[in-house]
Amino acid sequence: MATSLTPKEKIALIKQNLQEVLGEDIIADVIEKQNRPLKIYWGTATTGRPHCGYFVPMTKLAHFLRADCEVTILLADLHAFLDNMKAPFELIKFRAKYYELLIKATLRSIGVSIDKLKFVLGSDYQRGEKYIMDIFRMSSIVTEHDAKKAGAEVVKQVASPLLSGLIYPLMQALDEEHLGVDAQFGGVDQRKIFTLAVENLPNLGYKTRAHLMNPMVPGLAGGKMSASDPNSKIDLLDSKSDVEKKLKKAVCAPKEIEGNGIIAFVEFVLLPISELASQDGKGRFVIEKDGSEVIYDNIEKLKEDYVADIIGPKELKAATTLALSALLEPIRKEYENDKAWQEIEKLAYPPPAAPEKKKKEKKIGTGYVPKKKGEASGSAAEGIENLNIEESK
């Protein structure tokens, strides 16, 4: 239980399995000197369907709760739109609800109580007068170069970037103040945004926060696991057969552990999750080899055996398929038994519209067809037409 942990044990659990921590002194001051719970927020932009990489932050949320932290989950709906319009305005409210339902089901599947979790929708406070003024203030002290650099590993990079991509990191930094937290948690890919916050929030008269970063799990095809790349990920609602097919195709070179997404998944997902449920605090990963079970309770031994070719890709993939399918089964069942969730999914991720069959126009003279007076075209006009979010009161 969290109440039985000493301050030092709480700090150790908060830092466990993280790749990097900025501002450890802030964490120590809150827990040891101020003797109060550390307030942490984790934000997720509600874009594509969440994948199995989400088990990594979910496991850390479990650690934070055990360490008696006050945890806020930010459903960053406006960020989803700002990131190169990955989520159109007419869909973001449905995607935010879909994310909330899926995150809650995922936490329950690994035995984490959600009673003390706080969910916040970004658009509920990010349209307020004070927040908007802070965006203006932040934009007056952050250069275009620094804003672009901060979002380089998070915001989608395109040939002709939109200004919205520069606003994204400024807002993520400001969320720390407006959510009233002591620390922000996220992937190590967000380090530059965290640094932007550390360097600029004090210039607005706000305190510096700590930043906790988990490692990024490589995708199935190598590189970063991404919600927008179906070939790199396994969705949390994928069927058992889909899980098996995707893992069979996953990049998993014999004797190689660098960039091996399967090994990384065992290290940062399967072992830590099994550790949460164990009585002795040790995780276990079982591989069947020559008709018998080989049990690993630490990743170093597994890596050693894999490099030595004692365990090969076939056995590793088979064991991972079994373990992952067992984790996903309760999530799938919860979805299948919840009609409201199924309806939300249809609204959040509608099937692409069939292309319209255009009638062949008769060309007269040059073939030039003038537009009607006042007619606009392109995504900008459509975006303005669909911009139906109510103004903040």
Protein backbone atom coordinates (compact mmCIF):
# COMPACT_ATOMS: atom_id res chain seq x y z
CA MET A 1 0.00 0.00 0.00
CA ALA A 2 1.13 3.57 -0.69
CA THR A 3 0.73 4.60 2.97
CA SER A 4 3.28 2.00 4.07
CA LEU A 5 6.05 3.42 1.89
CA THR A 6 8.67 5.73 3.31
CA PRO A 7 9.42 9.01 1.46
CA LYS A 8 12.59 7.51 -0.03
CA GLU A 9 10.69 4.40 -1.17
CA LYS A 10 8.07 6.60 -2.81
CA ILE A 11 10.74 8.54 -4.70
CA ALA A 12 12.43 5.30 -5.80
CA LEU A 13 9.13 3.92 -7.09
CA ILE A 14 8.34 7.16 -8.94
CA LYS A 15 11.73 6.97 -10.72
CA GLN A 16 11.64 3.20 -11.36
CA ASN A 17 12.17 2.17 -15.03
CA LEU A 18 12.34 5.79 -16.22
CA GLN A 19 14.96 6.77 -18.77
CA GLU A 20 15.52 10.26 -17.40
CA VAL A 21 14.37 12.59 -14.63
CA LEU A 22 14.77 16.37 -14.68
CA GLY A 23 14.36 18.22 -11.39
CA GLU A 24 14.80 15.39 -8.86
CA ASP A 25 15.27 18.02 -6.16
CA ILE A 26 11.72 19.25 -6.80
CA ILE A 27 10.33 15.75 -6.22
CA ALA A 28 12.38 15.31 -3.05
CA ASP A 29 11.31 18.70 -1.72
CA VAL A 30 7.59 17.93 -2.15
CA ILE A 31 7.71 14.42 -0.68
CA GLU A 32 10.40 14.73 2.01
CA LYS A 33 10.24 18.37 3.11
CA GLN A 34 6.68 19.46 2.34
CA ASN A 35 5.43 15.98 3.27
CA ARG A 36 2.60 15.97 0.74
CA PRO A 37 1.64 13.94 -2.35
CA LEU A 38 3.46 14.77 -5.57
CA LYS A 39 1.05 16.15 -8.18
CA ILE A 40 1.77 14.70 -11.63
CA TYR A 41 0.06 15.01 -14.97
CA TRP A 42 0.35 12.83 -18.06
CA GLY A 43 -1.13 14.12 -21.30
CA THR A 44 -2.07 12.31 -24.48
CA ALA A 45 -3.16 13.93 -27.75
CA THR A 46 -6.35 12.20 -28.85
CA THR A 47 -5.40 11.34 -32.45
CA GLY A 48 -5.14 7.77 -33.79
CA ARG A 49 -6.26 4.64 -31.95
CA PRO A 50 -4.08 3.97 -28.87
CA HIS A 51 -1.65 1.07 -29.23
CA CYS A 52 0.13 -1.37 -26.94
CA GLY A 53 2.92 1.12 -26.32
CA TYR A 54 0.42 2.80 -23.98
CA PHE A 55 1.05 0.00 -21.50
CA VAL A 56 4.37 1.72 -20.71
CA PRO A 57 2.86 4.94 -19.29
CA MET A 58 -0.02 2.93 -17.76
CA THR A 59 2.49 0.94 -15.72
CA LYS A 60 4.11 4.13 -14.50
CA LEU A 61 0.73 5.59 -13.57
CA ALA A 62 0.31 2.51 -11.39
CA HIS A 63 3.67 3.26 -9.75
CA PHE A 64 2.70 6.90 -9.16
CA LEU A 65 -0.56 5.90 -7.52
CA ARG A 66 1.25 3.38 -5.28
CA ALA A 67 3.62 6.18 -4.32
CA ASP A 68 0.61 8.21 -3.12
CA CYS A 69 0.84 10.73 -5.99
CA GLU A 70 -2.10 12.79 -7.20
CA VAL A 71 -2.35 11.87 -10.89
CA THR A 72 -4.14 13.85 -13.61
CA ILE A 73 -4.63 12.48 -17.12
CA LEU A 74 -4.98 15.25 -19.70
CA LEU A 75 -6.99 14.31 -22.78
CA ALA A 76 -5.35 16.86 -25.06
CA ASP A 77 -8.07 17.30 -27.67
CA LEU A 78 -6.94 20.71 -28.93
CA HIS A 79 -3.38 19.42 -29.22
CA ALA A 80 -4.72 16.65 -31.45
CA PHE A 81 -6.08 19.28 -33.84
CA LEU A 82 -2.97 21.48 -33.66
CA ASP A 83 -0.71 18.56 -34.64
CA ASN A 84 -1.18 19.05 -38.39
CA MET A 85 -4.95 18.58 -37.94
CA LYS A 86 -4.60 14.87 -37.11
CA ALA A 87 -8.03 15.10 -35.48
CA PRO A 88 -10.61 17.35 -37.21
CA PHE A 89 -12.71 19.57 -34.94
CA GLU A 90 -15.89 17.59 -35.60
CA LEU A 91 -14.21 14.40 -34.31
CA ILE A 92 -12.09 15.50 -31.35
CA LYS A 93 -14.83 15.32 -28.70
CA PHE A 94 -15.62 11.74 -29.70
CA ARG A 95 -11.96 10.74 -29.83
CA ALA A 96 -11.37 12.22 -26.38
CA LYS A 97 -14.23 10.11 -24.99
CA TYR A 98 -12.90 7.03 -26.80
CA TYR A 99 -9.46 7.59 -25.29
CA GLU A 100 -10.93 7.98 -21.80
CA LEU A 101 -12.87 4.71 -22.06
CA LEU A 102 -9.89 2.82 -23.46
CA ILE A 103 -7.39 4.18 -20.93
CA LYS A 104 -9.69 3.25 -18.04
CA ALA A 105 -10.18 -0.26 -19.44
CA THR A 106 -6.42 -0.66 -19.97
CA LEU A 107 -5.65 0.36 -16.39
CA ARG A 108 -8.29 -2.02 -15.05
CA SER A 109 -6.81 -4.84 -17.16
CA ILE A 110 -3.51 -4.55 -15.28
CA GLY A 111 -5.16 -4.28 -11.89
CA VAL A 112 -4.90 -0.52 -11.36
CA SER A 113 -7.71 1.24 -9.48
CA ILE A 114 -8.89 4.37 -11.28
CA ASP A 115 -10.79 5.78 -8.28
CA LYS A 116 -8.09 8.36 -7.52
CA LEU A 117 -7.35 9.30 -11.12
CA LYS A 118 -8.49 12.67 -12.42
CA PHE A 119 -9.35 13.07 -16.12
CA VAL A 120 -9.28 16.57 -17.64
CA LEU A 121 -10.27 17.63 -21.15
CA GLY A 122 -7.87 20.19 -22.60
CA SER A 123 -10.56 22.30 -24.27
CA ASP A 124 -12.34 22.71 -20.92
CA TYR A 125 -9.68 25.17 -19.71
CA GLN A 126 -7.40 25.93 -22.67
CA ARG A 127 -9.96 28.36 -24.15
CA GLY A 128 -10.16 30.45 -21.00
CA GLU A 129 -9.07 34.09 -20.99
CA LYS A 130 -6.09 33.58 -18.66
CA TYR A 131 -4.80 30.62 -20.68
CA ILE A 132 -5.10 32.48 -23.99
CA MET A 133 -3.26 35.47 -22.52
CA ASP A 134 -0.50 33.12 -21.35
CA ILE A 135 -0.16 31.78 -24.90
CA PHE A 136 0.31 35.37 -26.10
CA ARG A 137 2.85 36.02 -23.33
CA MET A 138 4.75 32.81 -24.07
CA SER A 139 4.78 33.53 -27.82
CA SER A 140 6.44 36.90 -27.09
CA ILE A 141 9.48 35.26 -25.43
CA VAL A 142 9.91 32.02 -27.40
CA THR A 143 11.50 32.24 -30.84
CA GLU A 144 10.14 30.46 -33.91
CA HIS A 145 13.36 28.41 -33.98
CA ASP A 146 12.98 27.24 -30.37
CA ALA A 147 9.28 26.40 -30.73
CA LYS A 148 9.96 24.35 -33.87
CA LYS A 149 12.90 22.60 -32.21
CA ALA A 150 10.82 21.79 -29.12
CA GLY A 151 8.12 20.03 -31.12
CA ALA A 152 10.41 18.34 -33.64
CA GLU A 153 10.01 14.82 -32.21
CA VAL A 154 6.35 15.16 -31.25
CA VAL A 155 4.57 17.29 -33.85
CA LYS A 156 4.23 15.74 -37.30
CA GLN A 157 6.91 17.13 -39.60
CA VAL A 158 5.77 18.10 -43.10
CA ALA A 159 7.21 20.06 -46.03
CA SER A 160 5.04 23.13 -45.37
CA PRO A 161 4.47 23.18 -41.59
CA LEU A 162 1.48 25.02 -40.15
CA LEU A 163 1.78 27.65 -37.42
CA SER A 164 -0.34 25.40 -35.19
CA GLY A 165 2.69 23.13 -34.78
CA LEU A 166 4.54 26.00 -33.10
CA ILE A 167 1.69 26.67 -30.68
CA TYR A 168 1.56 23.00 -29.62
CA PRO A 169 4.74 22.95 -27.46
CA LEU A 170 3.91 26.34 -25.90
CA MET A 171 0.57 24.98 -24.72
CA GLN A 172 2.10 21.77 -23.38
CA ALA A 173 4.48 23.85 -21.27
CA LEU A 174 1.66 26.08 -20.01
CA ASP A 175 -0.45 23.05 -19.05
CA GLU A 176 1.90 22.47 -16.12
CA GLU A 177 0.87 25.78 -14.57
CA HIS A 178 -2.81 25.63 -15.42
CA LEU A 179 -3.19 22.07 -14.12
CA GLY A 180 -1.42 23.05 -10.89
CA VAL A 181 1.07 20.16 -10.86
CA ASP A 182 4.59 19.61 -9.52
CA ALA A 183 5.72 17.35 -12.38
CA GLN A 184 4.91 16.35 -15.93
CA PHE A 185 5.32 12.77 -17.13
CA GLY A 186 5.81 11.67 -20.73
CA GLY A 187 8.02 9.89 -23.22
CA VAL A 188 11.65 10.79 -23.71
CA ASP A 189 10.64 12.07 -27.17
CA GLN A 190 9.10 15.06 -25.37
CA ARG A 191 12.33 16.11 -23.68
CA LYS A 192 12.71 19.26 -25.80
CA ILE A 193 9.22 20.43 -24.85
CA PHE A 194 10.04 19.78 -21.19
CA THR A 195 13.22 21.83 -21.58
CA LEU A 196 11.20 24.63 -23.19
CA ALA A 197 8.96 24.65 -20.10
CA VAL A 198 11.92 24.73 -17.69
CA GLU A 199 13.55 27.62 -19.56
CA ASN A 200 10.46 29.77 -20.09
CA LEU A 201 7.83 29.28 -17.39
CA PRO A 202 9.93 31.22 -14.80
CA ASN A 203 9.99 34.18 -17.23
CA LEU A 204 6.19 34.30 -16.92
CA GLY A 205 6.42 34.24 -13.12
CA TYR A 206 5.61 30.52 -12.82
CA LYS A 207 7.60 27.86 -10.96
CA THR A 208 9.74 25.19 -12.58
CA ARG A 209 8.37 21.67 -12.60
CA ALA A 210 10.06 18.27 -12.54
CA HIS A 211 9.90 16.09 -15.66
CA LEU A 212 9.72 12.31 -15.73
CA MET A 213 10.51 10.48 -18.97
CA ASN A 214 9.85 6.87 -19.86
CA PRO A 215 11.76 5.18 -22.72
CA MET A 216 10.10 4.78 -26.11
CA VAL A 217 9.25 1.22 -27.15
CA PRO A 218 10.41 0.55 -30.73
CA GLY A 219 7.69 -0.24 -33.26
CA LEU A 220 7.13 -3.64 -34.84
CA ALA A 221 8.79 -2.50 -38.06
CA GLY A 222 11.63 -0.71 -36.25
CA GLY A 223 11.67 2.97 -35.31
CA LYS A 224 9.08 4.70 -33.12
CA MET A 225 5.76 3.02 -32.38
CA SER A 226 3.17 5.45 -33.73
CA ALA A 227 -0.61 5.70 -33.48
CA SER A 228 -0.68 6.97 -37.09
CA ASP A 229 1.41 4.11 -38.54
CA PRO A 230 -0.59 0.83 -38.57
CA ASN A 231 2.47 -1.20 -39.52
CA SER A 232 4.38 -0.15 -36.38
CA LYS A 233 1.84 -1.06 -33.73
CA ILE A 234 -0.69 -3.41 -32.20
CA ASP A 235 -3.89 -1.63 -31.19
CA LEU A 236 -5.30 -2.23 -27.73
CA LEU A 237 -8.49 -3.64 -29.29
CA ASP A 238 -6.82 -5.84 -31.91
CA SER A 239 -8.14 -9.41 -32.07
CA LYS A 240 -6.08 -12.38 -30.95
CA SER A 241 -5.50 -13.39 -34.57
CA ASP A 242 -4.39 -9.85 -35.50
CA VAL A 243 -1.91 -9.84 -32.60
CA GLU A 244 -0.47 -13.14 -33.78
CA LYS A 245 -0.19 -11.99 -37.42
CA LYS A 246 1.45 -8.69 -36.53
CA LEU A 247 3.97 -10.24 -34.14
CA LYS A 248 4.92 -12.88 -36.71
CA LYS A 249 5.80 -10.06 -39.15
CA ALA A 250 7.61 -7.97 -36.53
CA VAL A 251 11.30 -7.16 -36.99
CA CYS A 252 13.16 -9.46 -34.59
CA ALA A 253 16.63 -10.29 -35.90
CA PRO A 254 18.34 -13.33 -34.27
CA LYS A 255 20.96 -12.47 -31.61
CA GLU A 256 20.24 -8.71 -31.93
CA ILE A 257 18.70 -6.73 -29.09
CA GLU A 258 19.33 -3.15 -30.28
CA GLY A 259 16.16 -1.79 -31.88
CA ASN A 260 14.40 -5.11 -31.25
CA GLY A 261 10.78 -4.12 -30.57
CA ILE A 262 9.85 -7.52 -29.10
CA ILE A 263 12.69 -7.50 -26.55
CA ALA A 264 11.85 -3.90 -25.64
CA PHE A 265 8.19 -4.81 -25.20
CA VAL A 266 9.09 -7.58 -22.77
CA GLU A 267 11.40 -5.22 -20.87
CA PHE A 268 9.13 -2.20 -20.57
CA VAL A 269 5.66 -3.76 -20.69
CA LEU A 270 5.36 -7.47 -19.92
CA LEU A 271 7.87 -7.78 -17.07
CA PRO A 272 6.78 -4.56 -15.25
CA ILE A 273 3.09 -5.48 -15.55
CA SER A 274 3.65 -8.98 -14.20
CA GLU A 275 5.61 -7.36 -11.38
CA LEU A 276 2.56 -5.27 -10.43
CA ALA A 277 0.53 -8.42 -9.82
CA SER A 278 3.23 -10.49 -8.10
CA GLN A 279 3.44 -11.06 -4.36
CA ASP A 280 7.23 -10.86 -4.19
CA GLY A 281 7.60 -7.78 -6.39
CA LYS A 282 9.31 -9.70 -9.20
CA GLY A 283 8.09 -9.87 -12.77
CA ARG A 284 8.03 -13.13 -14.73
CA PHE A 285 8.11 -13.87 -18.45
CA VAL A 286 7.67 -17.47 -19.57
CA ILE A 287 9.11 -18.89 -22.79
CA GLU A 288 8.46 -22.44 -23.97
CA LYS A 289 11.62 -24.09 -25.24
CA ASP A 290 11.87 -27.73 -26.36
CA GLY A 291 8.71 -28.71 -24.51
CA SER A 292 9.64 -27.09 -21.19
CA GLU A 293 9.18 -23.65 -19.65
CA VAL A 294 12.02 -21.18 -19.19
CA ILE A 295 11.10 -18.47 -16.65
CA TYR A 296 12.82 -15.09 -16.74
CA ASP A 297 12.48 -12.68 -13.82
CA ASN A 298 14.91 -10.08 -15.21
CA ILE A 299 15.52 -8.71 -18.67
CA GLU A 300 19.32 -9.00 -18.55
CA LYS A 301 19.20 -12.80 -18.44
CA LEU A 302 16.73 -12.88 -21.33
CA LYS A 303 18.93 -10.57 -23.40
CA GLU A 304 21.96 -12.69 -22.60
CA ASP A 305 20.21 -15.88 -23.75
CA TYR A 306 18.88 -14.19 -26.88
CA VAL A 307 22.32 -12.93 -27.93
CA ALA A 308 23.73 -16.43 -27.27
CA ASP A 309 20.96 -17.89 -29.47
CA ILE A 310 19.66 -20.02 -26.60
CA ILE A 311 16.32 -18.33 -27.24
CA GLY A 312 15.44 -17.45 -30.82
CA PRO A 313 12.90 -15.14 -32.52
CA LYS A 314 10.33 -17.92 -32.95
CA GLU A 315 10.16 -18.79 -29.23
CA LEU A 316 10.30 -15.13 -28.21
CA LYS A 317 7.46 -14.13 -30.54
CA ALA A 318 5.29 -17.08 -29.46
CA ALA A 319 5.72 -16.24 -25.75
CA THR A 320 5.06 -12.54 -26.36
CA THR A 321 1.91 -13.37 -28.33
CA LEU A 322 0.53 -15.42 -25.43
CA ALA A 323 1.39 -12.82 -22.78
CA LEU A 324 0.07 -9.87 -24.79
CA SER A 325 -3.15 -11.67 -25.78
CA ALA A 326 -3.82 -12.34 -22.09
CA LEU A 327 -3.40 -8.62 -21.33
CA LEU A 328 -5.68 -7.51 -24.15
CA GLU A 329 -8.47 -10.04 -23.54
CA PRO A 330 -10.18 -8.15 -20.67
CA ILE A 331 -9.99 -4.89 -22.64
CA ARG A 332 -11.64 -6.50 -25.67
CA LYS A 333 -14.34 -8.07 -23.48
CA GLU A 334 -15.11 -4.74 -21.83
CA TYR A 335 -15.44 -3.13 -25.26
CA GLU A 336 -17.65 -5.95 -26.60
CA ASN A 337 -19.99 -5.61 -23.60
CA ASP A 338 -20.29 -1.82 -23.84
CA LYS A 339 -22.65 -0.68 -26.63
CA ALA A 340 -22.11 3.01 -25.79
CA TRP A 341 -18.34 2.60 -26.24
CA GLN A 342 -18.90 0.91 -29.61
CA GLU A 343 -21.05 3.84 -30.75
CA ILE A 344 -18.40 6.31 -29.60
CA GLU A 345 -15.79 4.44 -31.65
CA LYS A 346 -17.92 4.75 -34.79
CA LEU A 347 -18.24 8.50 -34.23
CA ALA A 348 -14.54 8.92 -33.36
CA TYR A 349 -13.17 6.92 -36.28
CA PRO A 350 -15.78 6.91 -39.06
CA PRO A 351 -14.93 4.89 -42.15
CA PRO A 352 -13.48 6.96 -44.99
CA ALA A 353 -16.13 8.28 -47.36
CA ALA A 354 -16.31 6.62 -50.74
CA PRO A 355 -14.93 8.87 -53.48
CA GLU A 356 -17.65 10.70 -55.38
CA LYS A 357 -18.06 9.88 -59.02
CA LYS A 358 -17.79 13.17 -60.82
CA LYS A 359 -19.79 13.75 -63.94
CA LYS A 360 -17.69 14.52 -66.92
CA GLU A 361 -17.93 18.23 -67.63
CA LYS A 362 -18.33 19.50 -71.12
CA LYS A 363 -15.37 21.67 -72.00
CA ILE A 364 -16.10 24.82 -73.91
CA GLY A 365 -13.27 26.85 -75.34
CA THR A 366 -10.35 26.69 -72.90
CA GLY A 367 -12.26 24.44 -70.51
CA TYR A 368 -12.08 27.06 -67.77
CA VAL A 369 -14.98 26.74 -65.32
CA PRO A 370 -15.27 29.89 -63.14
CA LYS A 371 -16.09 29.51 -59.45
CA LYS A 372 -19.28 30.95 -58.05
CA LYS A 373 -18.93 34.34 -56.43
CA GLY A 374 -17.72 34.05 -52.81
CA GLU A 375 -16.89 30.36 -53.18
CA ALA A 376 -13.84 29.15 -51.19
CA SER A 377 -12.03 25.87 -51.53
CA GLY A 378 -9.54 23.71 -49.71
CA SER A 379 -9.05 22.54 -46.17
CA ALA A 380 -8.86 26.06 -44.68
CA ALA A 381 -12.42 26.90 -45.74
CA GLU A 382 -13.70 23.53 -44.61
CA GLY A 383 -11.92 23.96 -41.28
CA ILE A 384 -13.55 27.36 -40.71
CA GLU A 385 -16.95 25.90 -41.57
CA ASN A 386 -16.43 23.04 -39.11
CA LEU A 387 -15.11 25.25 -36.34
CA ASN A 388 -18.14 24.87 -34.10
CA ILE A 389 -16.61 24.75 -30.65
CA GLU A 390 -18.52 27.08 -28.33
CA GLU A 391 -16.72 30.11 -26.95
CA SER A 392 -15.51 29.94 -23.35
CA LYS A 393 -17.73 31.63 -20.85
